Amino acid sequence: MSVSVTLPALGESVTEGTVTRWLKAEGERVEADEPLLEVSTDKVDTEIPAPASGILASIKVAEDETVEVGAELAIIDDGSGDSAEAKAPAAESAPAQEAPAPEAPQAEPSTETEQPAPAPTAEAASGGGSAEGTDVVLPALGESVTEGTVTRWLKSVGETVEADEPLLEVSTDKVDTEIPAPASGVLLEIVVNEDETAEVGAKLAVIGAAGSAPAAAPAQEAPAPEAAPAPKQEEA
């Protein structure tokens, strides 16, 4: 899954910022909350942390270029979802081979086994994304700013949020600003409540995909074969 790196709001009257230096190059590995680039505005010079762990797939804004708040700066590929999709069809292939035992009704069971096949794969993919949900962290809002207080959450747990959409309001000793969502999805958890203070880089919330709970259901279909004939041979 690709995660966008956007320019956060760095002050109430700050509308744009200039990329002064990239701390990572395309193709390099970056960890969540690790400083990714430096940005300069008319008020502060600060570092922008990576919103998720992964590979820096693409840099959209080069050094010395100026962009508006909310603009996409880069794309991080976190590589989630591949393993979950690969395992799901493998588990479903076993019962599919056992179905064509009768001669005439082969067409009916084949359609029945094929219809539920796409559903678990979609659930497994969404389950993989939510388990590794994207963290919402408190960005650096100034060189000397070390912490901020959550003044208001603009979304509640369970609500859908879009990337770059204002998610919460934070107050520091220098600025009062909105923190945008680093990715699209569902607000799974709020870690820091209103009126609580957190340090720069601290996890404020978790955003993930919806419908992750049913992903465990297909795993119960795998243990189909049973070793029933073994005890009958011992009795004889």
C-alpha atoms as a PDB file:
ATOM      1  CA  MET A   1       0.000   0.000   0.000  1.00  0.00           C
ATOM      2  CA  SER A   2       1.276   3.453  -0.886  1.00  0.00           C
ATOM      3  CA  VAL A   3       1.281   6.136   1.823  1.00  0.00           C
ATOM      4  CA  SER A   4       1.477   9.809   0.848  1.00  0.00           C
ATOM      5  CA  VAL A   5       3.852  12.168   2.635  1.00  0.00           C
ATOM      6  CA  THR A   6       2.184  15.577   2.779  1.00  0.00           C
ATOM      7  CA  LEU A   7       3.183  19.008   4.009  1.00  0.00           C
ATOM      8  CA  PRO A   8       1.425  19.459   7.388  1.00  0.00           C
ATOM      9  CA  ALA A   9       0.035  22.731   8.674  1.00  0.00           C
ATOM     10  CA  LEU A  10       2.947  24.389  10.475  1.00  0.00           C
ATOM     11  CA  GLY A  11       1.032  27.370  11.829  1.00  0.00           C
ATOM     12  CA  GLU A  12      -2.298  29.144  11.490  1.00  0.00           C
ATOM     13  CA  SER A  13      -1.045  31.690   8.942  1.00  0.00           C
ATOM     14  CA  VAL A  14       1.456  29.386   7.197  1.00  0.00           C
ATOM     15  CA  THR A  15       0.145  28.422   3.754  1.00  0.00           C
ATOM     16  CA  GLU A  16       3.264  27.032   2.086  1.00  0.00           C
ATOM     17  CA  GLY A  17       6.741  25.688   2.726  1.00  0.00           C
ATOM     18  CA  THR A  18      10.019  25.141   0.876  1.00  0.00           C
ATOM     19  CA  VAL A  19      11.814  21.777   0.838  1.00  0.00           C
ATOM     20  CA  THR A  20      15.367  22.593   1.934  1.00  0.00           C
ATOM     21  CA  ARG A  21      16.809  19.076   2.166  1.00  0.00           C
ATOM     22  CA  TRP A  22      15.788  15.452   1.677  1.00  0.00           C
ATOM     23  CA  LEU A  23      17.280  13.192   4.352  1.00  0.00           C
ATOM     24  CA  LYS A  24      16.472  10.050   2.348  1.00  0.00           C
ATOM     25  CA  ALA A  25      16.839   9.187  -1.345  1.00  0.00           C
ATOM     26  CA  GLU A  26      14.425   7.268  -3.561  1.00  0.00           C
ATOM     27  CA  GLY A  27      14.686   3.520  -2.983  1.00  0.00           C
ATOM     28  CA  GLU A  28      15.976   3.878   0.578  1.00  0.00           C
ATOM     29  CA  ARG A  29      14.302   2.295   3.596  1.00  0.00           C
ATOM     30  CA  VAL A  30      12.631   4.655   6.068  1.00  0.00           C
ATOM     31  CA  GLU A  31      11.038   3.942   9.440  1.00  0.00           C
ATOM     32  CA  ALA A  32       7.837   5.507  10.782  1.00  0.00           C
ATOM     33  CA  ASP A  33       8.476   8.784  12.647  1.00  0.00           C
ATOM     34  CA  GLU A  34      12.043   8.958  11.270  1.00  0.00           C
ATOM     35  CA  PRO A  35      12.967  12.439   9.943  1.00  0.00           C
ATOM     36  CA  LEU A  36      12.448  12.324   6.177  1.00  0.00           C
ATOM     37  CA  LEU A  37      12.999  15.896   4.962  1.00  0.00           C
ATOM     38  CA  GLU A  38      13.572  19.455   6.142  1.00  0.00           C
ATOM     39  CA  VAL A  39      11.098  22.230   5.344  1.00  0.00           C
ATOM     40  CA  SER A  40      11.425  25.994   5.758  1.00  0.00           C
ATOM     41  CA  THR A  41       8.523  28.445   6.157  1.00  0.00           C
ATOM     42  CA  ASP A  42       8.351  32.151   6.954  1.00  0.00           C
ATOM     43  CA  LYS A  43       7.963  31.200  10.630  1.00  0.00           C
ATOM     44  CA  VAL A  44       9.783  27.930  11.342  1.00  0.00           C
ATOM     45  CA  ASP A  45      12.385  25.557   9.934  1.00  0.00           C
ATOM     46  CA  THR A  46      11.453  21.989  10.839  1.00  0.00           C
ATOM     47  CA  GLU A  47      11.803  18.320   9.960  1.00  0.00           C
ATOM     48  CA  ILE A  48       8.906  16.297   8.563  1.00  0.00           C
ATOM     49  CA  PRO A  49       8.790  12.696   9.866  1.00  0.00           C
ATOM     50  CA  ALA A  50       7.805   9.694   7.759  1.00  0.00           C
ATOM     51  CA  PRO A  51       4.133   8.747   8.359  1.00  0.00           C
ATOM     52  CA  ALA A  52       4.844   5.018   7.883  1.00  0.00           C
ATOM     53  CA  SER A  53       7.658   2.507   7.508  1.00  0.00           C
ATOM     54  CA  GLY A  54       8.615   1.318   4.031  1.00  0.00           C
ATOM     55  CA  ILE A  55      10.574   2.234   0.903  1.00  0.00           C
ATOM     56  CA  LEU A  56      10.722   5.823  -0.356  1.00  0.00           C
ATOM     57  CA  ALA A  57       9.175   5.035  -3.733  1.00  0.00           C
ATOM     58  CA  SER A  58       8.945   8.540  -5.208  1.00  0.00           C
ATOM     59  CA  ILE A  59       9.945  12.119  -4.350  1.00  0.00           C
ATOM     60  CA  LYS A  60       7.340  14.534  -5.734  1.00  0.00           C
ATOM     61  CA  VAL A  61       8.879  17.847  -4.632  1.00  0.00           C
ATOM     62  CA  ALA A  62      12.588  18.464  -5.178  1.00  0.00           C
ATOM     63  CA  GLU A  63      14.840  20.529  -2.928  1.00  0.00           C
ATOM     64  CA  ASP A  64      14.367  24.324  -3.089  1.00  0.00           C
ATOM     65  CA  GLU A  65      10.828  23.894  -4.451  1.00  0.00           C
ATOM     66  CA  THR A  66       7.884  25.529  -2.655  1.00  0.00           C
ATOM     67  CA  VAL A  67       4.494  23.845  -2.201  1.00  0.00           C
ATOM     68  CA  GLU A  68       1.254  24.584  -0.373  1.00  0.00           C
ATOM     69  CA  VAL A  69       0.135  22.988   2.898  1.00  0.00           C
ATOM     70  CA  GLY A  70      -1.416  19.572   2.189  1.00  0.00           C
ATOM     71  CA  ALA A  71       0.557  19.036  -1.026  1.00  0.00           C
ATOM     72  CA  GLU A  72       2.039  15.597  -1.661  1.00  0.00           C
ATOM     73  CA  LEU A  73       5.797  15.592  -1.067  1.00  0.00           C
ATOM     74  CA  ALA A  74       6.610  11.905  -1.584  1.00  0.00           C
ATOM     75  CA  ILE A  75       5.204   8.373  -1.640  1.00  0.00           C
ATOM     76  CA  ILE A  76       6.221   5.552   0.715  1.00  0.00           C
ATOM     77  CA  ASP A  77       5.482   1.938  -0.248  1.00  0.00           C
ATOM     78  CA  ASP A  78       4.911  -0.045   2.960  1.00  0.00           C
ATOM     79  CA  GLY A  79       4.554  -3.365   1.076  1.00  0.00           C
ATOM     80  CA  SER A  80       1.557  -4.539   3.142  1.00  0.00           C
ATOM     81  CA  GLY A  81      -1.141  -6.921   1.899  1.00  0.00           C
ATOM     82  CA  ASP A  82       0.979  -9.130  -0.388  1.00  0.00           C
ATOM     83  CA  SER A  83       1.562 -11.991   2.041  1.00  0.00           C
ATOM     84  CA  ALA A  84      -2.080 -12.104   3.134  1.00  0.00           C
ATOM     85  CA  GLU A  85      -3.332 -12.403  -0.448  1.00  0.00           C
ATOM     86  CA  ALA A  86      -0.813 -15.109  -1.294  1.00  0.00           C
ATOM     87  CA  LYS A  87      -1.808 -17.325   1.640  1.00  0.00           C
ATOM     88  CA  ALA A  88      -5.561 -17.054   1.148  1.00  0.00           C
ATOM     89  CA  PRO A  89      -5.847 -18.762  -2.292  1.00  0.00           C
ATOM     90  CA  ALA A  90      -3.422 -21.484  -1.188  1.00  0.00           C
ATOM     91  CA  ALA A  91      -5.735 -22.476   1.656  1.00  0.00           C
ATOM     92  CA  GLU A  92      -8.760 -22.448  -0.639  1.00  0.00           C
ATOM     93  CA  SER A  93      -7.179 -24.670  -3.307  1.00  0.00           C
ATOM     94  CA  ALA A  94      -7.259 -27.756  -1.057  1.00  0.00           C
ATOM     95  CA  PRO A  95     -11.058 -28.003  -0.610  1.00  0.00           C
ATOM     96  CA  ALA A  96     -11.545 -27.107  -4.273  1.00  0.00           C
ATOM     97  CA  GLN A  97      -9.711 -30.280  -5.369  1.00  0.00           C
ATOM     98  CA  GLU A  98     -11.846 -32.515  -3.140  1.00  0.00           C
ATOM     99  CA  ALA A  99     -15.141 -31.209  -4.562  1.00  0.00           C
ATOM    100  CA  PRO A 100     -15.223 -32.860  -8.069  1.00  0.00           C
ATOM    101  CA  ALA A 101     -15.915 -36.393  -6.773  1.00  0.00           C
ATOM    102  CA  PRO A 102     -19.444 -36.917  -8.285  1.00  0.00           C
ATOM    103  CA  GLU A 103     -19.748 -37.046 -12.091  1.00  0.00           C
ATOM    104  CA  ALA A 104     -23.020 -35.268 -12.917  1.00  0.00           C
ATOM    105  CA  PRO A 105     -23.189 -32.501 -10.300  1.00  0.00           C
ATOM    106  CA  GLN A 106     -19.632 -31.285 -10.924  1.00  0.00           C
ATOM    107  CA  ALA A 107     -20.813 -27.921 -12.261  1.00  0.00           C
ATOM    108  CA  GLU A 108     -22.903 -27.072  -9.173  1.00  0.00           C
ATOM    109  CA  PRO A 109     -20.279 -27.591  -6.418  1.00  0.00           C
ATOM    110  CA  SER A 110     -17.638 -25.894  -8.559  1.00  0.00           C
ATOM    111  CA  THR A 111     -19.734 -22.726  -8.726  1.00  0.00           C
ATOM    112  CA  GLU A 112     -20.399 -22.904  -4.998  1.00  0.00           C
ATOM    113  CA  THR A 113     -16.711 -23.193  -4.160  1.00  0.00           C
ATOM    114  CA  GLU A 114     -15.716 -20.449  -6.615  1.00  0.00           C
ATOM    115  CA  GLN A 115     -18.232 -17.882  -5.347  1.00  0.00           C
ATOM    116  CA  PRO A 116     -16.904 -17.543  -1.767  1.00  0.00           C
ATOM    117  CA  ALA A 117     -13.304 -17.528  -3.009  1.00  0.00           C
ATOM    118  CA  PRO A 118     -12.992 -13.785  -3.751  1.00  0.00           C
ATOM    119  CA  ALA A 119     -14.601 -12.749  -0.435  1.00  0.00           C
ATOM    120  CA  PRO A 120     -11.946 -14.180   1.931  1.00  0.00           C
ATOM    121  CA  THR A 121      -9.130 -12.790  -0.235  1.00  0.00           C
ATOM    122  CA  ALA A 122     -10.577  -9.290   0.066  1.00  0.00           C
ATOM    123  CA  GLU A 123     -11.011  -9.701   3.804  1.00  0.00           C
ATOM    124  CA  ALA A 124      -7.510 -11.083   4.204  1.00  0.00           C
ATOM    125  CA  ALA A 125      -6.057  -8.148   2.308  1.00  0.00           C
ATOM    126  CA  SER A 126      -7.938  -5.657   4.436  1.00  0.00           C
ATOM    127  CA  GLY A 127      -6.968  -7.545   7.567  1.00  0.00           C
ATOM    128  CA  GLY A 128      -3.302  -7.283   6.644  1.00  0.00           C
ATOM    129  CA  GLY A 129      -3.571  -3.517   6.205  1.00  0.00           C
ATOM    130  CA  SER A 130      -5.416  -2.876   9.460  1.00  0.00           C
ATOM    131  CA  ALA A 131      -3.065  -5.005  11.543  1.00  0.00           C
ATOM    132  CA  GLU A 132      -0.225  -2.751  10.431  1.00  0.00           C
ATOM    133  CA  GLY A 133      -2.356   0.408  10.663  1.00  0.00           C
ATOM    134  CA  THR A 134      -0.729   3.746   9.859  1.00  0.00           C
ATOM    135  CA  ASP A 135       0.277   5.716  12.958  1.00  0.00           C
ATOM    136  CA  VAL A 136      -0.706   9.373  13.281  1.00  0.00           C
ATOM    137  CA  VAL A 137       2.230  11.084  15.005  1.00  0.00           C
ATOM    138  CA  LEU A 138       2.807  14.570  16.352  1.00  0.00           C
ATOM    139  CA  PRO A 139       5.085  16.306  13.807  1.00  0.00           C
ATOM    140  CA  ALA A 140       7.820  18.778  14.668  1.00  0.00           C
ATOM    141  CA  LEU A 141       6.073  22.158  14.773  1.00  0.00           C
ATOM    142  CA  GLY A 142       9.187  24.253  15.336  1.00  0.00           C
ATOM    143  CA  GLU A 143      12.851  23.929  16.215  1.00  0.00           C
ATOM    144  CA  SER A 144      12.339  24.481  19.954  1.00  0.00           C
ATOM    145  CA  VAL A 145       8.896  22.842  20.201  1.00  0.00           C
ATOM    146  CA  THR A 146       9.153  19.503  22.034  1.00  0.00           C
ATOM    147  CA  GLU A 147       5.507  18.761  22.844  1.00  0.00           C
ATOM    148  CA  GLY A 148       1.935  19.686  22.021  1.00  0.00           C
ATOM    149  CA  THR A 149      -1.528  19.435  23.582  1.00  0.00           C
ATOM    150  CA  VAL A 150      -4.487  17.882  21.739  1.00  0.00           C
ATOM    151  CA  THR A 151      -7.223  20.511  21.908  1.00  0.00           C
ATOM    152  CA  ARG A 152      -9.864  18.843  19.720  1.00  0.00           C
ATOM    153  CA  TRP A 153     -10.394  15.663  17.688  1.00  0.00           C
ATOM    154  CA  LEU A 154     -12.222  16.362  14.433  1.00  0.00           C
ATOM    155  CA  LYS A 155     -12.991  12.656  13.890  1.00  0.00           C
ATOM    156  CA  SER A 156     -14.226   9.878  16.198  1.00  0.00           C
ATOM    157  CA  VAL A 157     -13.121   6.245  16.381  1.00  0.00           C
ATOM    158  CA  GLY A 158     -14.814   4.257  13.603  1.00  0.00           C
ATOM    159  CA  GLU A 159     -15.231   7.215  11.257  1.00  0.00           C
ATOM    160  CA  THR A 160     -13.732   7.276   7.778  1.00  0.00           C
ATOM    161  CA  VAL A 161     -10.982   9.799   7.115  1.00  0.00           C
ATOM    162  CA  GLU A 162      -9.296  10.825   3.868  1.00  0.00           C
ATOM    163  CA  ALA A 163      -5.578  11.460   3.413  1.00  0.00           C
ATOM    164  CA  ASP A 164      -4.636  15.109   4.120  1.00  0.00           C
ATOM    165  CA  GLU A 165      -8.030  15.734   5.763  1.00  0.00           C
ATOM    166  CA  PRO A 166      -7.735  17.653   9.076  1.00  0.00           C
ATOM    167  CA  LEU A 167      -7.891  15.036  11.837  1.00  0.00           C
ATOM    168  CA  LEU A 168      -7.194  16.924  15.069  1.00  0.00           C
ATOM    169  CA  GLU A 169      -6.157  20.288  16.471  1.00  0.00           C
ATOM    170  CA  VAL A 170      -2.956  20.696  18.483  1.00  0.00           C
ATOM    171  CA  SER A 171      -1.718  23.623  20.573  1.00  0.00           C
ATOM    172  CA  THR A 172       1.926  24.369  21.405  1.00  0.00           C
ATOM    173  CA  ASP A 173       3.650  27.296  23.102  1.00  0.00           C
ATOM    174  CA  LYS A 174       4.212  28.788  19.630  1.00  0.00           C
ATOM    175  CA  VAL A 175       1.401  27.753  17.288  1.00  0.00           C
ATOM    176  CA  ASP A 176      -2.117  26.304  17.232  1.00  0.00           C
ATOM    177  CA  THR A 177      -2.538  24.111  14.176  1.00  0.00           C
ATOM    178  CA  GLU A 178      -4.417  21.221  12.582  1.00  0.00           C
ATOM    179  CA  ILE A 179      -2.765  17.851  11.988  1.00  0.00           C
ATOM    180  CA  PRO A 180      -3.858  16.152   8.734  1.00  0.00           C
ATOM    181  CA  ALA A 181      -4.420  12.411   8.341  1.00  0.00           C
ATOM    182  CA  PRO A 182      -1.332  10.711   6.826  1.00  0.00           C
ATOM    183  CA  ALA A 183      -3.459   8.133   4.957  1.00  0.00           C
ATOM    184  CA  SER A 184      -7.041   7.285   4.016  1.00  0.00           C
ATOM    185  CA  GLY A 185      -8.955   4.711   6.042  1.00  0.00           C
ATOM    186  CA  VAL A 186     -10.871   4.281   9.286  1.00  0.00           C
ATOM    187  CA  LEU A 187      -9.833   5.853  12.588  1.00  0.00           C
ATOM    188  CA  LEU A 188      -9.247   2.634  14.557  1.00  0.00           C
ATOM    189  CA  GLU A 189      -7.868   4.086  17.780  1.00  0.00           C
ATOM    190  CA  ILE A 190      -7.283   7.419  19.519  1.00  0.00           C
ATOM    191  CA  VAL A 191      -4.182   7.126  21.715  1.00  0.00           C
ATOM    192  CA  VAL A 192      -3.979  10.700  23.048  1.00  0.00           C
ATOM    193  CA  ASN A 193      -7.268  12.224  24.214  1.00  0.00           C
ATOM    194  CA  GLU A 194      -8.269  15.882  24.231  1.00  0.00           C
ATOM    195  CA  ASP A 195      -6.414  18.107  26.734  1.00  0.00           C
ATOM    196  CA  GLU A 196      -3.604  15.547  26.973  1.00  0.00           C
ATOM    197  CA  THR A 197      -0.020  16.528  26.122  1.00  0.00           C
ATOM    198  CA  ALA A 198       2.305  14.400  23.963  1.00  0.00           C
ATOM    199  CA  GLU A 199       5.909  14.759  22.847  1.00  0.00           C
ATOM    200  CA  VAL A 200       6.954  15.366  19.229  1.00  0.00           C
ATOM    201  CA  GLY A 201       6.974  12.002  17.410  1.00  0.00           C
ATOM    202  CA  ALA A 202       4.478  10.416  19.829  1.00  0.00           C
ATOM    203  CA  LYS A 203       1.665   8.277  18.422  1.00  0.00           C
ATOM    204  CA  LEU A 204      -1.645  10.133  18.557  1.00  0.00           C
ATOM    205  CA  ALA A 205      -3.921   7.659  16.755  1.00  0.00           C
ATOM    206  CA  VAL A 206      -4.046   4.674  14.383  1.00  0.00           C
ATOM    207  CA  ILE A 207      -5.651   4.650  10.925  1.00  0.00           C
ATOM    208  CA  GLY A 208      -6.377   1.314   9.231  1.00  0.00           C
ATOM    209  CA  ALA A 209      -8.714  -0.461   6.832  1.00  0.00           C
ATOM    210  CA  ALA A 210     -12.260  -1.445   7.792  1.00  0.00           C
ATOM    211  CA  GLY A 211     -13.608  -5.011   8.066  1.00  0.00           C
ATOM    212  CA  SER A 212     -10.500  -6.667   9.458  1.00  0.00           C
ATOM    213  CA  ALA A 213     -12.312  -8.955  11.952  1.00  0.00           C
ATOM    214  CA  PRO A 214     -13.798 -11.464   9.451  1.00  0.00           C
ATOM    215  CA  ALA A 215     -10.316 -12.135   8.034  1.00  0.00           C
ATOM    216  CA  ALA A 216      -9.780 -15.010  10.530  1.00  0.00           C
ATOM    217  CA  ALA A 217     -12.814 -16.989   9.293  1.00  0.00           C
ATOM    218  CA  PRO A 218     -11.259 -18.703   6.208  1.00  0.00           C
ATOM    219  CA  ALA A 219      -8.476 -20.137   8.354  1.00  0.00           C
ATOM    220  CA  GLN A 220     -10.970 -22.540   9.973  1.00  0.00           C
ATOM    221  CA  GLU A 221     -11.715 -24.215   6.634  1.00  0.00           C
ATOM    222  CA  ALA A 222      -8.136 -25.445   6.170  1.00  0.00           C
ATOM    223  CA  PRO A 223      -8.066 -28.500   8.556  1.00  0.00           C
ATOM    224  CA  ALA A 224     -10.364 -30.615   6.339  1.00  0.00           C
ATOM    225  CA  PRO A 225      -8.447 -33.971   6.194  1.00  0.00           C
ATOM    226  CA  GLU A 226      -8.891 -36.221   9.256  1.00  0.00           C
ATOM    227  CA  ALA A 227      -6.919 -39.369  10.069  1.00  0.00           C
ATOM    228  CA  ALA A 228     -10.041 -41.523  10.674  1.00  0.00           C
ATOM    229  CA  PRO A 229      -8.970 -44.902   9.090  1.00  0.00           C
ATOM    230  CA  ALA A 230      -5.934 -45.303  11.424  1.00  0.00           C
ATOM    231  CA  PRO A 231      -7.765 -46.562  14.582  1.00  0.00           C
ATOM    232  CA  LYS A 232      -9.832 -49.076  12.545  1.00  0.00           C
ATOM    233  CA  GLN A 233      -6.659 -50.899  11.432  1.00  0.00           C
ATOM    234  CA  GLU A 234      -5.474 -51.256  15.059  1.00  0.00           C
ATOM    235  CA  GLU A 235      -8.748 -52.947  16.137  1.00  0.00           C
ATOM    236  CA  ALA A 236      -8.433 -55.571  13.368  1.00  0.00           C
END
